[in-house]
């Protein structure tokens, strides 16, 4: 398995874990023992679209993400952002480190340093994104027989990971944003589906 040239295909929603199990297991093996080229030798997450020109909407996360408690599941399926708060609350501290205000509201924005394995020889890029988001996603359940849906708020690094990977699934990336994404349903000659994931709408 190796990373392919960046493309702009919108990822197809996953209906069952069985249809992606083999690919998911290959991605997990890859991210835990990567042989990456370029500036980076480690990844927090890898999206299926980095390995397929007809991708499914899922990504896998590295063991470090689980160890640090950022997520509890290795495979994240059909992720979508369902809420972006306009503001967030922070603690204000003085020069000595003493908290002088508990709930200062500020805009829900932060600049993240992002790398992308679609472009292994490009330096990290500063990207402004929401710091806090609410996401909906699915994980394998009942030994992979069903998909369990989870909704929760994510902040900081894990919020950035979700946003970066969801961009990939929508046919976007942080370096080339001028290309028009092409749709998976057009590749197989069917009408655009109704409902389901927000990816590609």
N, C-alpha and C. Protein backbone atom coordinates (compact mmCIF):
# COMPACT_ATOMS: atom_id res chain seq x y z
N UNK A 1 0.85 -1.19 0.00
CA UNK A 1 0.00 0.00 0.00
C UNK A 1 0.89 1.24 0.00
N UNK A 2 0.54 2.21 -0.84
CA UNK A 2 1.30 3.46 -0.86
C UNK A 2 0.38 4.62 -1.19
N UNK A 3 0.81 5.81 -0.75
CA UNK A 3 0.03 7.02 -1.00
C UNK A 3 0.11 7.37 -2.47
N UNK A 4 -1.05 7.70 -3.06
CA UNK A 4 -1.12 8.03 -4.48
C UNK A 4 -1.11 9.54 -4.67
N UNK A 5 -1.02 9.95 -5.91
CA UNK A 5 -1.04 11.38 -6.25
C UNK A 5 -2.36 11.99 -5.82
N UNK A 6 -2.31 13.22 -5.31
CA UNK A 6 -3.52 13.89 -4.83
C UNK A 6 -4.56 14.00 -5.95
N UNK A 7 -5.82 13.77 -5.58
CA UNK A 7 -6.91 13.89 -6.54
C UNK A 7 -8.07 14.60 -5.87
N UNK A 8 -9.18 14.74 -6.59
CA UNK A 8 -10.28 15.56 -6.09
C UNK A 8 -11.60 14.80 -6.07
N UNK A 9 -11.52 13.48 -5.88
CA UNK A 9 -12.72 12.66 -5.83
C UNK A 9 -13.41 12.80 -4.47
N UNK A 10 -14.72 12.98 -4.50
CA UNK A 10 -15.49 13.01 -3.26
C UNK A 10 -15.69 11.58 -2.78
N UNK A 11 -15.47 11.36 -1.50
CA UNK A 11 -15.53 10.01 -0.94
C UNK A 11 -16.96 9.50 -0.84
N UNK A 12 -17.10 8.22 -1.12
CA UNK A 12 -18.41 7.57 -1.09
C UNK A 12 -18.76 7.17 0.35
N UNK A 13 -19.99 7.45 0.81
CA UNK A 13 -20.39 7.04 2.16
C UNK A 13 -20.30 5.54 2.35
N UNK A 14 -19.93 5.13 3.55
CA UNK A 14 -19.81 3.72 3.89
C UNK A 14 -21.15 3.22 4.41
N UNK A 15 -21.61 2.09 3.85
CA UNK A 15 -22.89 1.51 4.28
C UNK A 15 -22.70 0.45 5.35
N UNK A 16 -21.59 -0.27 5.30
CA UNK A 16 -21.32 -1.31 6.28
C UNK A 16 -19.81 -1.44 6.45
N UNK A 17 -19.38 -1.91 7.62
CA UNK A 17 -17.95 -2.06 7.84
C UNK A 17 -17.35 -3.13 6.94
N UNK A 18 -18.17 -4.11 6.56
CA UNK A 18 -17.67 -5.21 5.72
C UNK A 18 -17.10 -4.70 4.40
N UNK A 19 -17.70 -3.62 3.84
CA UNK A 19 -17.23 -3.15 2.54
C UNK A 19 -15.89 -2.42 2.61
N UNK A 20 -15.47 -2.02 3.81
CA UNK A 20 -14.18 -1.31 3.94
C UNK A 20 -13.20 -2.04 4.83
N UNK A 21 -13.60 -3.16 5.42
CA UNK A 21 -12.78 -3.81 6.44
C UNK A 21 -11.36 -4.09 5.96
N UNK A 22 -11.22 -4.67 4.78
CA UNK A 22 -9.89 -5.03 4.27
C UNK A 22 -9.03 -3.79 4.09
N UNK A 23 -9.62 -2.74 3.51
CA UNK A 23 -8.87 -1.49 3.29
C UNK A 23 -8.54 -0.82 4.62
N UNK A 24 -9.48 -0.84 5.56
CA UNK A 24 -9.24 -0.22 6.87
C UNK A 24 -8.10 -0.92 7.59
N UNK A 25 -8.07 -2.25 7.55
CA UNK A 25 -7.00 -2.99 8.21
C UNK A 25 -5.64 -2.70 7.56
N UNK A 26 -5.63 -2.52 6.25
CA UNK A 26 -4.38 -2.18 5.56
C UNK A 26 -3.91 -0.78 5.95
N UNK A 27 -4.83 0.18 6.09
CA UNK A 27 -4.46 1.53 6.50
C UNK A 27 -3.95 1.54 7.94
N UNK A 28 -4.58 0.75 8.81
CA UNK A 28 -4.13 0.67 10.20
C UNK A 28 -2.70 0.13 10.26
N UNK A 29 -2.43 -0.91 9.50
CA UNK A 29 -1.08 -1.47 9.46
C UNK A 29 -0.09 -0.43 8.94
N UNK A 30 -0.50 0.34 7.93
CA UNK A 30 0.37 1.35 7.34
C UNK A 30 0.67 2.48 8.33
N UNK A 31 -0.37 2.99 9.01
CA UNK A 31 -0.15 4.14 9.89
C UNK A 31 0.65 3.75 11.13
N UNK A 32 0.53 2.49 11.56
CA UNK A 32 1.28 2.06 12.73
C UNK A 32 2.72 1.69 12.40
N UNK A 33 2.99 1.36 11.12
CA UNK A 33 4.36 1.08 10.69
C UNK A 33 4.61 1.76 9.35
N UNK A 34 4.59 3.09 9.33
CA UNK A 34 4.66 3.81 8.06
C UNK A 34 6.03 3.75 7.39
N UNK A 35 6.00 3.82 6.08
CA UNK A 35 7.22 3.99 5.29
C UNK A 35 6.98 5.21 4.41
N UNK A 36 6.95 6.36 5.06
CA UNK A 36 6.56 7.59 4.39
C UNK A 36 7.78 8.31 3.82
N UNK A 37 7.56 9.05 2.76
CA UNK A 37 8.62 9.80 2.12
C UNK A 37 8.43 11.29 2.37
N UNK A 38 9.50 12.04 2.18
CA UNK A 38 9.39 13.49 2.31
C UNK A 38 9.78 13.98 3.68
N UNK A 39 9.16 15.09 4.12
CA UNK A 39 9.52 15.73 5.37
C UNK A 39 8.97 14.99 6.59
N UNK A 40 7.97 14.16 6.39
CA UNK A 40 7.23 13.61 7.52
C UNK A 40 7.36 12.10 7.59
N UNK A 41 7.52 11.57 8.79
CA UNK A 41 7.62 10.13 8.95
C UNK A 41 6.57 9.59 9.91
N UNK A 42 5.61 10.45 10.26
CA UNK A 42 4.59 10.05 11.22
C UNK A 42 3.31 10.81 10.92
N UNK A 43 2.17 10.15 11.14
CA UNK A 43 0.88 10.79 10.88
C UNK A 43 -0.05 10.56 12.07
N UNK A 44 -0.89 11.56 12.37
CA UNK A 44 -1.96 11.37 13.34
C UNK A 44 -3.09 10.56 12.73
N UNK A 45 -3.37 10.84 11.44
CA UNK A 45 -4.50 10.18 10.77
C UNK A 45 -4.21 10.06 9.28
N UNK A 46 -4.84 9.07 8.67
CA UNK A 46 -4.74 8.89 7.21
C UNK A 46 -6.12 8.57 6.66
N UNK A 47 -6.47 9.32 5.62
CA UNK A 47 -7.78 9.17 4.99
C UNK A 47 -7.69 8.15 3.84
N UNK A 48 -8.75 7.40 3.62
CA UNK A 48 -8.75 6.39 2.56
C UNK A 48 -8.46 7.01 1.20
N UNK A 49 -8.87 8.27 1.00
CA UNK A 49 -8.69 8.88 -0.33
C UNK A 49 -7.22 9.10 -0.67
N UNK A 50 -6.33 9.02 0.31
CA UNK A 50 -4.91 9.12 0.00
C UNK A 50 -4.37 7.86 -0.66
N UNK A 51 -5.17 6.79 -0.63
CA UNK A 51 -4.72 5.51 -1.16
C UNK A 51 -5.60 4.99 -2.29
N UNK A 52 -6.68 5.69 -2.61
CA UNK A 52 -7.62 5.21 -3.62
C UNK A 52 -8.19 6.36 -4.42
N UNK A 53 -8.35 6.16 -5.71
CA UNK A 53 -8.97 7.18 -6.57
C UNK A 53 -10.50 7.04 -6.57
N UNK A 54 -10.99 5.97 -5.96
CA UNK A 54 -12.45 5.81 -5.76
C UNK A 54 -12.67 5.55 -4.27
N UNK A 55 -12.47 6.58 -3.46
CA UNK A 55 -12.37 6.38 -2.01
C UNK A 55 -13.71 6.26 -1.29
N UNK A 56 -13.64 5.63 -0.14
CA UNK A 56 -14.75 5.60 0.81
C UNK A 56 -14.51 6.63 1.90
N UNK A 57 -15.58 7.07 2.55
CA UNK A 57 -15.52 8.13 3.56
C UNK A 57 -15.12 7.57 4.93
N UNK A 58 -13.84 7.34 5.10
CA UNK A 58 -13.34 6.95 6.42
C UNK A 58 -11.86 7.29 6.53
N UNK A 59 -11.41 7.41 7.78
CA UNK A 59 -9.98 7.57 8.03
C UNK A 59 -9.60 6.75 9.25
N UNK A 60 -8.31 6.48 9.37
CA UNK A 60 -7.80 5.75 10.54
C UNK A 60 -6.86 6.66 11.31
N UNK A 61 -6.71 6.38 12.61
CA UNK A 61 -5.85 7.20 13.44
C UNK A 61 -4.72 6.36 14.02
N UNK A 62 -3.63 7.03 14.33
CA UNK A 62 -2.45 6.36 14.90
C UNK A 62 -2.69 5.98 16.36
N UNK A 63 -1.90 5.04 16.84
CA UNK A 63 -2.00 4.62 18.24
C UNK A 63 -1.80 5.78 19.20
N UNK A 64 -0.94 6.74 18.83
CA UNK A 64 -0.69 7.89 19.70
C UNK A 64 -1.98 8.64 20.02
N UNK A 65 -2.88 8.73 19.05
CA UNK A 65 -4.15 9.43 19.25
C UNK A 65 -4.98 8.74 20.31
N UNK A 66 -4.94 7.41 20.32
CA UNK A 66 -5.67 6.64 21.34
C UNK A 66 -4.99 6.76 22.69
N UNK A 67 -3.67 6.66 22.71
CA UNK A 67 -2.92 6.72 23.96
C UNK A 67 -3.13 8.07 24.64
N UNK A 68 -3.16 9.14 23.86
CA UNK A 68 -3.34 10.48 24.42
C UNK A 68 -4.79 10.77 24.76
N UNK A 69 -5.68 9.82 24.48
CA UNK A 69 -7.09 9.97 24.84
C UNK A 69 -7.88 10.91 23.96
N UNK A 70 -7.35 11.23 22.77
CA UNK A 70 -8.05 12.14 21.87
C UNK A 70 -9.24 11.46 21.20
N UNK A 71 -9.12 10.17 20.96
CA UNK A 71 -10.20 9.35 20.39
C UNK A 71 -10.12 7.96 21.01
N UNK A 72 -11.21 7.22 20.91
CA UNK A 72 -11.24 5.86 21.46
C UNK A 72 -11.27 4.80 20.37
N UNK A 73 -11.36 5.22 19.10
CA UNK A 73 -11.55 4.26 18.01
C UNK A 73 -10.50 4.50 16.92
N UNK A 74 -10.02 3.41 16.33
CA UNK A 74 -9.00 3.49 15.27
C UNK A 74 -9.59 3.88 13.93
N UNK A 75 -10.83 3.48 13.66
CA UNK A 75 -11.46 3.72 12.35
C UNK A 75 -12.63 4.68 12.53
N UNK A 76 -12.59 5.81 11.82
CA UNK A 76 -13.63 6.83 11.89
C UNK A 76 -14.35 6.85 10.55
N UNK A 77 -15.65 6.56 10.57
CA UNK A 77 -16.42 6.33 9.34
C UNK A 77 -17.47 7.42 9.17
N UNK A 78 -17.65 7.87 7.92
CA UNK A 78 -18.68 8.87 7.56
C UNK A 78 -18.68 10.09 8.49
N UNK A 79 -17.53 10.69 8.75
CA UNK A 79 -17.51 11.84 9.66
C UNK A 79 -18.11 13.08 9.01
N UNK A 80 -18.77 13.88 9.81
CA UNK A 80 -19.29 15.17 9.35
C UNK A 80 -19.33 16.15 10.49
N UNK A 81 -19.20 17.42 10.16
CA UNK A 81 -19.29 18.49 11.16
C UNK A 81 -20.74 18.93 11.21
N UNK A 82 -21.34 18.89 12.39
CA UNK A 82 -22.76 19.23 12.50
C UNK A 82 -22.99 20.54 13.25
N UNK A 83 -21.94 21.08 13.87
CA UNK A 83 -22.09 22.36 14.56
C UNK A 83 -20.73 23.01 14.73
N UNK A 84 -20.69 24.33 14.50
CA UNK A 84 -19.47 25.12 14.76
C UNK A 84 -19.87 26.31 15.62
N UNK A 85 -19.58 26.28 16.91
CA UNK A 85 -19.90 27.42 17.77
C UNK A 85 -19.19 28.69 17.28
N UNK A 86 -19.84 29.82 17.42
CA UNK A 86 -19.24 31.08 16.98
C UNK A 86 -18.14 31.54 17.94
N UNK A 87 -18.30 31.24 19.22
CA UNK A 87 -17.32 31.66 20.21
C UNK A 87 -16.93 30.48 21.10
N UNK A 88 -15.85 30.67 21.83
CA UNK A 88 -15.43 29.68 22.83
C UNK A 88 -14.99 30.44 24.08
N UNK A 89 -15.00 29.73 25.22
CA UNK A 89 -14.63 30.34 26.48
C UNK A 89 -13.21 29.92 26.88
N UNK A 90 -12.42 30.89 27.31
CA UNK A 90 -11.05 30.61 27.73
C UNK A 90 -10.78 31.25 29.08
N UNK A 91 -9.70 30.82 29.71
CA UNK A 91 -9.25 31.43 30.95
C UNK A 91 -8.19 32.47 30.64
N UNK A 92 -8.36 33.67 31.18
CA UNK A 92 -7.34 34.71 31.02
C UNK A 92 -6.41 34.69 32.23
N UNK A 93 -5.11 34.74 31.96
CA UNK A 93 -4.11 34.73 33.03
C UNK A 93 -3.25 35.98 32.96
N UNK A 94 -2.76 36.40 34.12
CA UNK A 94 -1.83 37.54 34.12
C UNK A 94 -0.41 37.04 33.90
N UNK A 95 0.57 37.93 34.02
CA UNK A 95 1.96 37.57 33.74
C UNK A 95 2.53 36.55 34.70
N UNK A 96 1.93 36.42 35.86
CA UNK A 96 2.40 35.45 36.85
C UNK A 96 1.74 34.08 36.65
N UNK A 97 0.77 34.00 35.76
CA UNK A 97 0.07 32.75 35.53
C UNK A 97 -1.21 32.61 36.32
N UNK A 98 -1.54 33.63 37.11
CA UNK A 98 -2.76 33.60 37.91
C UNK A 98 -3.97 33.86 37.00
N UNK A 99 -5.01 33.04 37.19
CA UNK A 99 -6.24 33.22 36.41
C UNK A 99 -6.96 34.46 36.90
N UNK A 100 -7.20 35.40 35.98
CA UNK A 100 -7.89 36.65 36.34
C UNK A 100 -9.33 36.68 35.82
N UNK A 101 -9.64 35.78 34.90
CA UNK A 101 -11.02 35.68 34.41
C UNK A 101 -11.26 34.26 33.89
N UNK A 102 -12.35 33.66 34.33
CA UNK A 102 -12.62 32.25 34.02
C UNK A 102 -13.22 32.03 32.64
N UNK A 103 -14.23 32.81 32.29
CA UNK A 103 -15.03 32.52 31.10
C UNK A 103 -15.02 33.67 30.10
N UNK A 104 -13.84 34.02 29.62
CA UNK A 104 -13.73 35.06 28.60
C UNK A 104 -14.13 34.49 27.25
N UNK A 105 -15.14 35.08 26.61
CA UNK A 105 -15.58 34.60 25.29
C UNK A 105 -14.73 35.23 24.20
N UNK A 106 -14.23 34.39 23.31
CA UNK A 106 -13.42 34.85 22.18
C UNK A 106 -13.91 34.13 20.93
N UNK A 107 -13.58 34.64 19.74
CA UNK A 107 -13.99 33.94 18.51
C UNK A 107 -13.45 32.51 18.48
N UNK A 108 -14.25 31.60 17.97
CA UNK A 108 -13.89 30.18 17.91
C UNK A 108 -12.98 29.93 16.69
N UNK A 109 -11.76 30.45 16.78
CA UNK A 109 -10.81 30.31 15.68
C UNK A 109 -9.42 30.07 16.25
N UNK A 110 -8.63 29.32 15.48
CA UNK A 110 -7.24 29.09 15.87
C UNK A 110 -6.44 28.78 14.62
N UNK A 111 -5.18 29.16 14.63
CA UNK A 111 -4.29 28.83 13.52
C UNK A 111 -3.55 27.54 13.85
N UNK A 112 -3.75 26.54 13.00
CA UNK A 112 -3.08 25.25 13.16
C UNK A 112 -1.96 25.12 12.13
N UNK A 113 -0.88 24.46 12.52
CA UNK A 113 0.18 24.11 11.57
C UNK A 113 -0.15 22.74 11.01
N UNK A 114 -0.45 22.68 9.71
CA UNK A 114 -0.88 21.42 9.11
C UNK A 114 0.08 20.95 8.04
N UNK A 115 0.34 19.65 8.07
CA UNK A 115 1.06 19.00 6.99
C UNK A 115 0.07 18.10 6.25
N UNK A 116 0.45 17.65 5.06
CA UNK A 116 -0.44 16.79 4.29
C UNK A 116 0.39 15.76 3.55
N UNK A 117 0.05 14.49 3.74
CA UNK A 117 0.82 13.42 3.10
C UNK A 117 0.54 13.30 1.60
N UNK A 118 -0.45 14.05 1.12
CA UNK A 118 -0.62 14.13 -0.34
C UNK A 118 0.51 14.95 -0.96
N UNK A 119 1.15 15.78 -0.14
CA UNK A 119 2.23 16.65 -0.60
C UNK A 119 3.41 16.49 0.36
N UNK A 120 4.11 15.36 0.31
CA UNK A 120 5.12 15.04 1.32
C UNK A 120 6.34 15.96 1.33
N UNK A 121 6.56 16.69 0.25
CA UNK A 121 7.76 17.55 0.19
C UNK A 121 7.41 19.02 0.35
N UNK A 122 6.20 19.30 0.84
CA UNK A 122 5.84 20.69 1.15
C UNK A 122 5.85 20.89 2.65
N UNK A 123 6.36 22.07 3.05
CA UNK A 123 6.42 22.38 4.48
C UNK A 123 5.01 22.58 5.04
N UNK A 124 4.90 22.48 6.35
CA UNK A 124 3.62 22.70 7.01
C UNK A 124 3.06 24.08 6.63
N UNK A 125 1.74 24.15 6.65
CA UNK A 125 1.06 25.40 6.27
C UNK A 125 0.20 25.86 7.44
N UNK A 126 0.17 27.17 7.68
CA UNK A 126 -0.71 27.73 8.71
C UNK A 126 -2.14 27.81 8.16
N UNK A 127 -3.06 27.14 8.85
CA UNK A 127 -4.46 27.10 8.42
C UNK A 127 -5.34 27.56 9.57
N UNK A 128 -6.20 28.54 9.32
CA UNK A 128 -7.13 28.99 10.36
C UNK A 128 -8.39 28.15 10.30
N UNK A 129 -8.74 27.55 11.41
CA UNK A 129 -9.93 26.71 11.51
C UNK A 129 -10.63 26.96 12.85
N UNK A 130 -11.88 26.51 12.97
CA UNK A 130 -12.52 26.54 14.29
C UNK A 130 -11.75 25.66 15.28
N UNK A 131 -11.64 26.13 16.52
CA UNK A 131 -10.96 25.37 17.57
C UNK A 131 -11.88 24.27 18.10
N UNK A 132 -13.17 24.57 18.16
CA UNK A 132 -14.15 23.61 18.69
C UNK A 132 -15.22 23.32 17.64
N UNK A 133 -15.53 22.06 17.44
CA UNK A 133 -16.59 21.66 16.52
C UNK A 133 -17.38 20.51 17.15
N UNK A 134 -18.60 20.33 16.67
CA UNK A 134 -19.36 19.14 17.04
C UNK A 134 -19.40 18.23 15.83
N UNK A 135 -19.06 16.98 16.02
CA UNK A 135 -18.98 16.04 14.90
C UNK A 135 -19.93 14.87 15.11
N UNK A 136 -20.32 14.29 13.99
CA UNK A 136 -21.06 13.03 13.99
C UNK A 136 -20.25 12.05 13.13
N UNK A 137 -20.05 10.84 13.65
CA UNK A 137 -19.31 9.84 12.89
C UNK A 137 -19.75 8.45 13.34
N UNK A 138 -19.26 7.45 12.64
CA UNK A 138 -19.61 6.08 12.97
C UNK A 138 -18.35 5.26 13.21
N UNK A 139 -18.51 4.22 14.01
CA UNK A 139 -17.42 3.28 14.29
C UNK A 139 -17.96 1.86 14.19
N UNK A 140 -17.09 0.88 13.92
CA UNK A 140 -17.55 -0.51 13.88
C UNK A 140 -18.06 -0.94 15.26
N UNK A 141 -19.16 -1.70 15.27
CA UNK A 141 -19.72 -2.20 16.52
C UNK A 141 -20.17 -3.64 16.32
N UNK A 142 -20.39 -4.36 17.42
CA UNK A 142 -20.81 -5.76 17.38
C UNK A 142 -19.90 -6.58 16.48
N UNK A 143 -18.60 -6.48 16.76
CA UNK A 143 -17.58 -7.23 16.01
C UNK A 143 -17.60 -6.89 14.52
N UNK A 144 -17.93 -5.62 14.21
CA UNK A 144 -17.92 -5.17 12.82
C UNK A 144 -19.20 -5.45 12.07
N UNK A 145 -20.22 -5.98 12.74
CA UNK A 145 -21.48 -6.30 12.06
C UNK A 145 -22.36 -5.07 11.87
N UNK A 146 -22.17 -4.05 12.71
CA UNK A 146 -22.98 -2.84 12.61
C UNK A 146 -22.10 -1.61 12.75
N UNK A 147 -22.67 -0.45 12.42
CA UNK A 147 -21.99 0.82 12.61
C UNK A 147 -22.70 1.58 13.73
N UNK A 148 -21.92 2.02 14.71
CA UNK A 148 -22.46 2.79 15.82
C UNK A 148 -22.22 4.27 15.56
N UNK A 149 -23.26 5.10 15.71
CA UNK A 149 -23.15 6.53 15.47
C UNK A 149 -22.83 7.27 16.77
N UNK A 150 -21.87 8.19 16.68
CA UNK A 150 -21.44 8.98 17.84
C UNK A 150 -21.53 10.46 17.48
N UNK A 151 -22.02 11.26 18.42
CA UNK A 151 -22.01 12.72 18.28
C UNK A 151 -21.31 13.29 19.50
N UNK A 152 -20.32 14.17 19.27
CA UNK A 152 -19.60 14.76 20.40
C UNK A 152 -18.83 16.00 19.95
N UNK A 153 -18.49 16.83 20.91
CA UNK A 153 -17.68 18.00 20.64
C UNK A 153 -16.20 17.62 20.68
N UNK A 154 -15.43 18.22 19.77
CA UNK A 154 -13.99 18.01 19.73
C UNK A 154 -13.29 19.36 19.71
N UNK A 155 -12.15 19.43 20.40
CA UNK A 155 -11.41 20.69 20.44
C UNK A 155 -9.95 20.45 20.08
N UNK A 156 -9.26 21.53 19.71
CA UNK A 156 -7.82 21.49 19.51
C UNK A 156 -7.35 20.57 18.39
N UNK A 157 -6.34 19.77 18.68
CA UNK A 157 -5.70 18.92 17.68
C UNK A 157 -6.70 17.96 17.03
N UNK A 158 -7.56 17.33 17.84
CA UNK A 158 -8.48 16.36 17.26
C UNK A 158 -9.54 17.05 16.40
N UNK A 159 -9.93 18.27 16.76
CA UNK A 159 -10.82 19.07 15.91
C UNK A 159 -10.15 19.33 14.56
N UNK A 160 -8.88 19.68 14.60
CA UNK A 160 -8.12 19.93 13.37
C UNK A 160 -8.02 18.67 12.51
N UNK A 161 -7.78 17.52 13.16
CA UNK A 161 -7.70 16.26 12.41
C UNK A 161 -9.02 15.98 11.68
N UNK A 162 -10.13 16.11 12.38
CA UNK A 162 -11.43 15.88 11.74
C UNK A 162 -11.63 16.82 10.55
N UNK A 163 -11.32 18.10 10.74
CA UNK A 163 -11.55 19.07 9.66
C UNK A 163 -10.66 18.78 8.45
N UNK A 164 -9.40 18.43 8.71
CA UNK A 164 -8.46 18.13 7.62
C UNK A 164 -8.93 16.90 6.83
N UNK A 165 -9.33 15.84 7.54
CA UNK A 165 -9.73 14.61 6.86
C UNK A 165 -11.08 14.77 6.16
N UNK A 166 -12.00 15.52 6.75
CA UNK A 166 -13.29 15.78 6.10
C UNK A 166 -13.09 16.59 4.82
N UNK A 167 -12.15 17.54 4.85
CA UNK A 167 -11.80 18.26 3.62
C UNK A 167 -11.35 17.29 2.53
N UNK A 168 -10.47 16.35 2.88
CA UNK A 168 -10.02 15.35 1.91
C UNK A 168 -11.21 14.60 1.31
N UNK A 169 -12.14 14.21 2.16
CA UNK A 169 -13.29 13.44 1.68
C UNK A 169 -14.21 14.24 0.76
N UNK A 170 -14.14 15.56 0.90
CA UNK A 170 -14.92 16.45 0.03
C UNK A 170 -14.14 16.86 -1.21
N UNK A 171 -12.98 16.22 -1.45
CA UNK A 171 -12.19 16.53 -2.63
C UNK A 171 -11.36 17.78 -2.51
N UNK A 172 -11.03 18.18 -1.28
CA UNK A 172 -10.25 19.40 -1.05
C UNK A 172 -8.95 19.05 -0.33
N UNK A 173 -7.98 19.96 -0.45
CA UNK A 173 -6.76 19.82 0.34
C UNK A 173 -6.22 21.21 0.66
N UNK A 174 -5.25 21.28 1.54
CA UNK A 174 -4.80 22.57 2.05
C UNK A 174 -3.90 23.33 1.08
N UNK A 175 -3.38 22.65 0.05
CA UNK A 175 -2.45 23.31 -0.86
C UNK A 175 -3.07 23.72 -2.20
N UNK A 176 -3.95 22.91 -2.73
CA UNK A 176 -4.57 23.21 -4.02
C UNK A 176 -6.08 23.26 -3.83
N UNK A 177 -6.63 24.46 -3.77
CA UNK A 177 -8.05 24.61 -3.46
C UNK A 177 -8.85 25.15 -4.64
N UNK A 178 -8.26 25.13 -5.82
CA UNK A 178 -8.95 25.70 -6.98
C UNK A 178 -9.63 24.65 -7.84
N UNK A 179 -9.29 23.38 -7.66
CA UNK A 179 -9.88 22.32 -8.47
C UNK A 179 -11.31 22.05 -8.04
N UNK A 180 -12.16 21.72 -9.02
CA UNK A 180 -13.54 21.36 -8.74
C UNK A 180 -13.60 19.88 -8.39
N UNK A 181 -14.07 19.52 -7.19
CA UNK A 181 -14.16 18.09 -6.85
C UNK A 181 -15.08 17.34 -7.81
N UNK A 182 -14.77 16.08 -8.07
CA UNK A 182 -15.70 15.29 -8.87
C UNK A 182 -16.35 14.24 -7.98
N UNK A 183 -17.56 13.88 -8.37
CA UNK A 183 -18.43 13.15 -7.48
C UNK A 183 -18.37 11.65 -7.73
N UNK A 184 -18.37 10.87 -6.66
CA UNK A 184 -18.29 9.42 -6.78
C UNK A 184 -19.46 8.85 -7.55
N UNK A 185 -20.66 9.44 -7.39
CA UNK A 185 -21.84 8.89 -8.07
C UNK A 185 -21.76 9.09 -9.59
N UNK A 186 -21.02 10.13 -10.01
CA UNK A 186 -20.84 10.33 -11.45
C UNK A 186 -19.90 9.28 -12.03
N UNK A 187 -18.94 8.83 -11.21
CA UNK A 187 -17.98 7.82 -11.68
C UNK A 187 -18.67 6.49 -12.00
N UNK A 188 -19.74 6.19 -11.28
CA UNK A 188 -20.43 4.92 -11.52
C UNK A 188 -21.73 5.10 -12.29
N UNK A 189 -21.99 6.35 -12.75
CA UNK A 189 -23.12 6.61 -13.63
C UNK A 189 -24.47 6.53 -12.98
N UNK A 190 -24.58 6.99 -11.72
CA UNK A 190 -25.88 6.99 -11.05
C UNK A 190 -26.24 8.41 -10.63
N UNK A 191 -27.54 8.68 -10.38
CA UNK A 191 -27.94 10.00 -9.90
C UNK A 191 -27.37 10.31 -8.53
N UNK A 192 -27.28 11.58 -8.20
CA UNK A 192 -26.81 11.97 -6.88
C UNK A 192 -27.77 11.43 -5.83
N UNK A 193 -27.24 10.74 -4.81
CA UNK A 193 -28.13 10.17 -3.79
C UNK A 193 -28.75 11.24 -2.92
N UNK A 194 -29.91 10.93 -2.34
CA UNK A 194 -30.59 11.84 -1.43
C UNK A 194 -30.28 11.43 0.01
N UNK A 195 -30.13 12.44 0.90
CA UNK A 195 -29.90 12.15 2.30
C UNK A 195 -28.50 11.62 2.54
N UNK A 196 -28.33 10.94 3.68
CA UNK A 196 -27.04 10.35 4.00
C UNK A 196 -26.05 11.38 4.48
N UNK A 197 -24.79 11.14 4.22
CA UNK A 197 -23.73 12.00 4.69
C UNK A 197 -23.75 13.37 4.01
N UNK A 198 -23.21 14.36 4.70
CA UNK A 198 -23.15 15.70 4.13
C UNK A 198 -21.99 15.86 3.17
N UNK A 199 -21.10 14.88 3.12
CA UNK A 199 -19.93 14.97 2.25
C UNK A 199 -20.39 15.02 0.79
N UNK A 200 -19.98 16.04 0.08
CA UNK A 200 -20.30 16.12 -1.34
C UNK A 200 -21.58 16.87 -1.63
N UNK A 201 -22.31 17.33 -0.61
CA UNK A 201 -23.53 18.08 -0.86
C UNK A 201 -23.22 19.49 -1.32
